[in-house]
Amino acid sequence: MSREWTHTREVLGKLQPITASLYLGKLALKSPQLIAQARTLSQQYPLHDDRFKIHMIHYLRETMPGGMETLYEALLTDIMADKLQLGA
C-alpha cells in the first residue's frame, strides 16, 4: 500500500470511530495479503487495466468486511499509487 494511504485514511476519517477502528484493525492484519494479491495481479495485468481493477476489487470484497465500496475504491487507488512496492 501507499505509505501515506491518503485515500484510505480519508474514507476512514469519515466513518464513525468504532467502525473506522474495525476497518483499521482489519487493514493492519490483511495488508500483507492485499499487497501479495496486487503483486500477483500486476504480473498478469497492467495496473491501470480494468481487469486488474476488477480482480482487485473482487478480492477486497472477499477479504474485507462487506458493504464498504468507498473503502474498496480508496484501497485500490492507494495500492495502484504505490507501484514501487508492487514491483510494477
N, C-alpha and C. Protein backbone atom coordinates (compact mmCIF):
# COMPACT_ATOMS: atom_id res chain seq x y z
N MET A 1 0.84 -1.18 0.00
CA MET A 1 0.00 0.00 0.00
C MET A 1 0.88 1.24 0.00
N SER A 2 0.29 2.27 -0.46
CA SER A 2 0.98 3.54 -0.40
C SER A 2 1.34 3.85 1.05
N ARG A 3 2.53 4.31 1.27
CA ARG A 3 2.96 4.61 2.64
C ARG A 3 2.02 5.61 3.30
N GLU A 4 1.45 6.47 2.52
CA GLU A 4 0.58 7.51 3.06
C GLU A 4 -0.87 7.05 3.21
N TRP A 5 -1.32 6.09 2.43
CA TRP A 5 -2.70 5.60 2.45
C TRP A 5 -3.68 6.78 2.40
N THR A 6 -3.37 7.78 1.63
CA THR A 6 -4.12 9.03 1.60
C THR A 6 -5.62 8.83 1.41
N HIS A 7 -5.98 8.09 0.39
CA HIS A 7 -7.40 7.90 0.08
C HIS A 7 -8.09 7.03 1.13
N THR A 8 -7.38 6.01 1.59
CA THR A 8 -7.94 5.12 2.60
C THR A 8 -8.17 5.87 3.91
N ARG A 9 -7.19 6.67 4.30
CA ARG A 9 -7.34 7.45 5.54
C ARG A 9 -8.49 8.44 5.43
N GLU A 10 -8.68 9.02 4.26
CA GLU A 10 -9.77 9.97 4.07
C GLU A 10 -11.13 9.28 4.27
N VAL A 11 -11.29 8.10 3.70
CA VAL A 11 -12.55 7.35 3.86
C VAL A 11 -12.74 6.94 5.31
N LEU A 12 -11.69 6.42 5.95
CA LEU A 12 -11.80 6.00 7.34
C LEU A 12 -12.13 7.19 8.25
N GLY A 13 -11.62 8.36 7.93
CA GLY A 13 -11.88 9.55 8.73
C GLY A 13 -13.33 9.99 8.70
N LYS A 14 -14.07 9.56 7.70
CA LYS A 14 -15.48 9.94 7.58
C LYS A 14 -16.41 8.97 8.29
N LEU A 15 -15.87 7.84 8.76
CA LEU A 15 -16.68 6.83 9.43
C LEU A 15 -16.80 7.12 10.92
N GLN A 16 -17.77 6.48 11.54
CA GLN A 16 -17.89 6.53 12.99
C GLN A 16 -16.62 5.90 13.58
N PRO A 17 -16.15 6.41 14.72
CA PRO A 17 -14.88 5.91 15.29
C PRO A 17 -14.83 4.39 15.49
N ILE A 18 -15.90 3.80 15.96
CA ILE A 18 -15.90 2.35 16.19
C ILE A 18 -15.79 1.60 14.87
N THR A 19 -16.53 2.05 13.87
CA THR A 19 -16.48 1.42 12.54
C THR A 19 -15.09 1.59 11.93
N ALA A 20 -14.55 2.79 12.04
CA ALA A 20 -13.21 3.05 11.50
C ALA A 20 -12.17 2.16 12.16
N SER A 21 -12.27 1.99 13.47
CA SER A 21 -11.29 1.16 14.17
C SER A 21 -11.42 -0.31 13.75
N LEU A 22 -12.63 -0.77 13.47
CA LEU A 22 -12.82 -2.13 12.97
C LEU A 22 -12.09 -2.32 11.65
N TYR A 23 -12.32 -1.39 10.72
CA TYR A 23 -11.68 -1.49 9.41
C TYR A 23 -10.17 -1.29 9.51
N LEU A 24 -9.72 -0.41 10.35
CA LEU A 24 -8.29 -0.18 10.52
C LEU A 24 -7.60 -1.43 11.04
N GLY A 25 -8.24 -2.10 12.00
CA GLY A 25 -7.70 -3.36 12.50
C GLY A 25 -7.61 -4.42 11.42
N LYS A 26 -8.66 -4.52 10.62
CA LYS A 26 -8.65 -5.48 9.51
C LYS A 26 -7.55 -5.15 8.51
N LEU A 27 -7.38 -3.86 8.23
CA LEU A 27 -6.33 -3.44 7.30
C LEU A 27 -4.95 -3.78 7.82
N ALA A 28 -4.74 -3.59 9.10
CA ALA A 28 -3.44 -3.90 9.69
C ALA A 28 -3.11 -5.38 9.54
N LEU A 29 -4.12 -6.22 9.71
CA LEU A 29 -3.91 -7.66 9.59
C LEU A 29 -3.84 -8.12 8.14
N LYS A 30 -4.63 -7.53 7.29
CA LYS A 30 -4.78 -8.02 5.92
C LYS A 30 -3.87 -7.34 4.90
N SER A 31 -3.21 -6.24 5.26
CA SER A 31 -2.43 -5.51 4.25
C SER A 31 -1.34 -6.35 3.58
N PRO A 32 -0.62 -7.25 4.28
CA PRO A 32 0.35 -8.08 3.55
C PRO A 32 -0.32 -8.96 2.49
N GLN A 33 -1.50 -9.48 2.81
CA GLN A 33 -2.23 -10.30 1.83
C GLN A 33 -2.70 -9.45 0.65
N LEU A 34 -3.15 -8.23 0.94
CA LEU A 34 -3.62 -7.35 -0.12
C LEU A 34 -2.48 -7.01 -1.08
N ILE A 35 -1.31 -6.72 -0.52
CA ILE A 35 -0.14 -6.41 -1.34
C ILE A 35 0.28 -7.62 -2.16
N ALA A 36 0.27 -8.79 -1.55
CA ALA A 36 0.64 -10.01 -2.28
C ALA A 36 -0.32 -10.26 -3.45
N GLN A 37 -1.60 -10.07 -3.22
CA GLN A 37 -2.58 -10.25 -4.29
C GLN A 37 -2.37 -9.21 -5.39
N ALA A 38 -2.11 -7.97 -5.01
CA ALA A 38 -1.88 -6.92 -6.00
C ALA A 38 -0.62 -7.22 -6.82
N ARG A 39 0.41 -7.73 -6.17
CA ARG A 39 1.64 -8.10 -6.90
C ARG A 39 1.34 -9.20 -7.92
N THR A 40 0.61 -10.20 -7.48
CA THR A 40 0.27 -11.30 -8.38
C THR A 40 -0.52 -10.80 -9.58
N LEU A 41 -1.52 -9.97 -9.30
CA LEU A 41 -2.34 -9.44 -10.40
C LEU A 41 -1.55 -8.51 -11.30
N SER A 42 -0.59 -7.75 -10.73
CA SER A 42 0.19 -6.83 -11.55
C SER A 42 1.14 -7.57 -12.49
N GLN A 43 1.42 -8.83 -12.21
CA GLN A 43 2.22 -9.64 -13.13
C GLN A 43 1.38 -10.13 -14.30
N GLN A 44 0.06 -10.19 -14.08
CA GLN A 44 -0.84 -10.66 -15.14
C GLN A 44 -1.41 -9.52 -15.97
N TYR A 45 -1.65 -8.38 -15.33
CA TYR A 45 -2.30 -7.25 -15.99
C TYR A 45 -1.58 -5.95 -15.63
N PRO A 46 -1.55 -4.99 -16.55
CA PRO A 46 -1.03 -3.66 -16.17
C PRO A 46 -1.91 -3.07 -15.07
N LEU A 47 -1.30 -2.23 -14.20
CA LEU A 47 -2.04 -1.69 -13.05
C LEU A 47 -3.30 -0.93 -13.44
N HIS A 48 -3.26 -0.23 -14.55
CA HIS A 48 -4.42 0.58 -14.92
C HIS A 48 -5.36 -0.14 -15.88
N ASP A 49 -5.14 -1.43 -16.05
CA ASP A 49 -6.04 -2.26 -16.85
C ASP A 49 -7.30 -2.53 -16.03
N ASP A 50 -8.43 -2.46 -16.67
CA ASP A 50 -9.69 -2.72 -15.96
C ASP A 50 -9.73 -4.11 -15.34
N ARG A 51 -9.07 -5.07 -15.95
CA ARG A 51 -9.06 -6.43 -15.39
C ARG A 51 -8.35 -6.45 -14.04
N PHE A 52 -7.24 -5.71 -13.93
CA PHE A 52 -6.56 -5.61 -12.64
C PHE A 52 -7.51 -5.04 -11.60
N LYS A 53 -8.16 -3.94 -11.95
CA LYS A 53 -9.07 -3.27 -11.02
C LYS A 53 -10.23 -4.18 -10.61
N ILE A 54 -10.82 -4.86 -11.56
CA ILE A 54 -11.96 -5.73 -11.28
C ILE A 54 -11.55 -6.88 -10.35
N HIS A 55 -10.44 -7.51 -10.67
CA HIS A 55 -9.98 -8.62 -9.82
C HIS A 55 -9.61 -8.15 -8.43
N MET A 56 -8.99 -6.98 -8.34
CA MET A 56 -8.58 -6.47 -7.03
C MET A 56 -9.79 -6.07 -6.19
N ILE A 57 -10.77 -5.41 -6.79
CA ILE A 57 -11.99 -5.05 -6.06
C ILE A 57 -12.70 -6.32 -5.59
N HIS A 58 -12.77 -7.32 -6.44
CA HIS A 58 -13.39 -8.59 -6.05
C HIS A 58 -12.65 -9.20 -4.85
N TYR A 59 -11.32 -9.16 -4.88
CA TYR A 59 -10.53 -9.68 -3.77
C TYR A 59 -10.79 -8.88 -2.49
N LEU A 60 -10.86 -7.56 -2.62
CA LEU A 60 -11.14 -6.72 -1.45
C LEU A 60 -12.51 -7.04 -0.86
N ARG A 61 -13.49 -7.27 -1.70
CA ARG A 61 -14.83 -7.64 -1.22
C ARG A 61 -14.80 -8.94 -0.45
N GLU A 62 -13.99 -9.88 -0.91
CA GLU A 62 -13.89 -11.18 -0.22
C GLU A 62 -13.11 -11.08 1.07
N THR A 63 -12.12 -10.21 1.11
CA THR A 63 -11.17 -10.15 2.21
C THR A 63 -11.60 -9.23 3.34
N MET A 64 -12.18 -8.11 2.98
CA MET A 64 -12.55 -7.08 3.96
C MET A 64 -14.03 -7.22 4.34
N PRO A 65 -14.42 -6.64 5.48
CA PRO A 65 -15.85 -6.65 5.85
C PRO A 65 -16.69 -6.03 4.74
N GLY A 66 -17.90 -6.52 4.59
CA GLY A 66 -18.74 -6.14 3.47
C GLY A 66 -19.35 -4.76 3.52
N GLY A 67 -19.83 -4.33 2.36
CA GLY A 67 -20.62 -3.12 2.25
C GLY A 67 -19.87 -1.81 2.26
N MET A 68 -18.58 -1.81 2.00
CA MET A 68 -17.81 -0.58 2.05
C MET A 68 -17.16 -0.28 0.71
N GLU A 69 -17.97 -0.10 -0.31
CA GLU A 69 -17.45 0.14 -1.66
C GLU A 69 -16.50 1.34 -1.71
N THR A 70 -16.80 2.39 -0.96
CA THR A 70 -15.92 3.56 -0.98
C THR A 70 -14.55 3.23 -0.40
N LEU A 71 -14.52 2.37 0.61
CA LEU A 71 -13.24 1.94 1.17
C LEU A 71 -12.48 1.08 0.17
N TYR A 72 -13.17 0.18 -0.52
CA TYR A 72 -12.51 -0.67 -1.51
C TYR A 72 -11.90 0.18 -2.62
N GLU A 73 -12.64 1.17 -3.08
CA GLU A 73 -12.14 2.06 -4.13
C GLU A 73 -10.91 2.84 -3.65
N ALA A 74 -10.96 3.31 -2.40
CA ALA A 74 -9.83 4.05 -1.84
C ALA A 74 -8.61 3.14 -1.70
N LEU A 75 -8.82 1.93 -1.23
CA LEU A 75 -7.72 0.97 -1.12
C LEU A 75 -7.11 0.68 -2.49
N LEU A 76 -7.96 0.47 -3.48
CA LEU A 76 -7.47 0.21 -4.82
C LEU A 76 -6.63 1.39 -5.33
N THR A 77 -7.10 2.59 -5.12
CA THR A 77 -6.37 3.78 -5.54
C THR A 77 -5.01 3.85 -4.86
N ASP A 78 -4.97 3.58 -3.56
CA ASP A 78 -3.70 3.61 -2.82
C ASP A 78 -2.76 2.48 -3.25
N ILE A 79 -3.31 1.33 -3.52
CA ILE A 79 -2.49 0.21 -4.00
C ILE A 79 -1.86 0.56 -5.34
N MET A 80 -2.65 1.09 -6.23
CA MET A 80 -2.16 1.45 -7.55
C MET A 80 -1.16 2.61 -7.50
N ALA A 81 -1.26 3.45 -6.50
CA ALA A 81 -0.34 4.58 -6.37
C ALA A 81 1.06 4.15 -5.95
N ASP A 82 1.18 2.99 -5.36
CA ASP A 82 2.49 2.54 -4.86
C ASP A 82 3.07 1.49 -5.78
N LYS A 83 3.41 1.88 -6.99
CA LYS A 83 3.94 0.97 -7.98
C LYS A 83 5.27 0.36 -7.56
N LEU A 84 6.09 1.11 -6.83
CA LEU A 84 7.39 0.59 -6.41
C LEU A 84 7.26 -0.61 -5.49
N GLN A 85 6.32 -0.55 -4.55
CA GLN A 85 6.14 -1.66 -3.62
C GLN A 85 5.62 -2.90 -4.35
N LEU A 86 4.85 -2.66 -5.40
CA LEU A 86 4.31 -3.79 -6.16
C LEU A 86 5.33 -4.36 -7.15
N GLY A 87 6.35 -3.59 -7.40
CA GLY A 87 7.34 -4.04 -8.38
C GLY A 87 6.86 -3.88 -9.80
N ALA A 88 5.87 -3.00 -10.00
CA ALA A 88 5.32 -2.81 -11.34
C ALA A 88 6.01 -1.68 -12.06
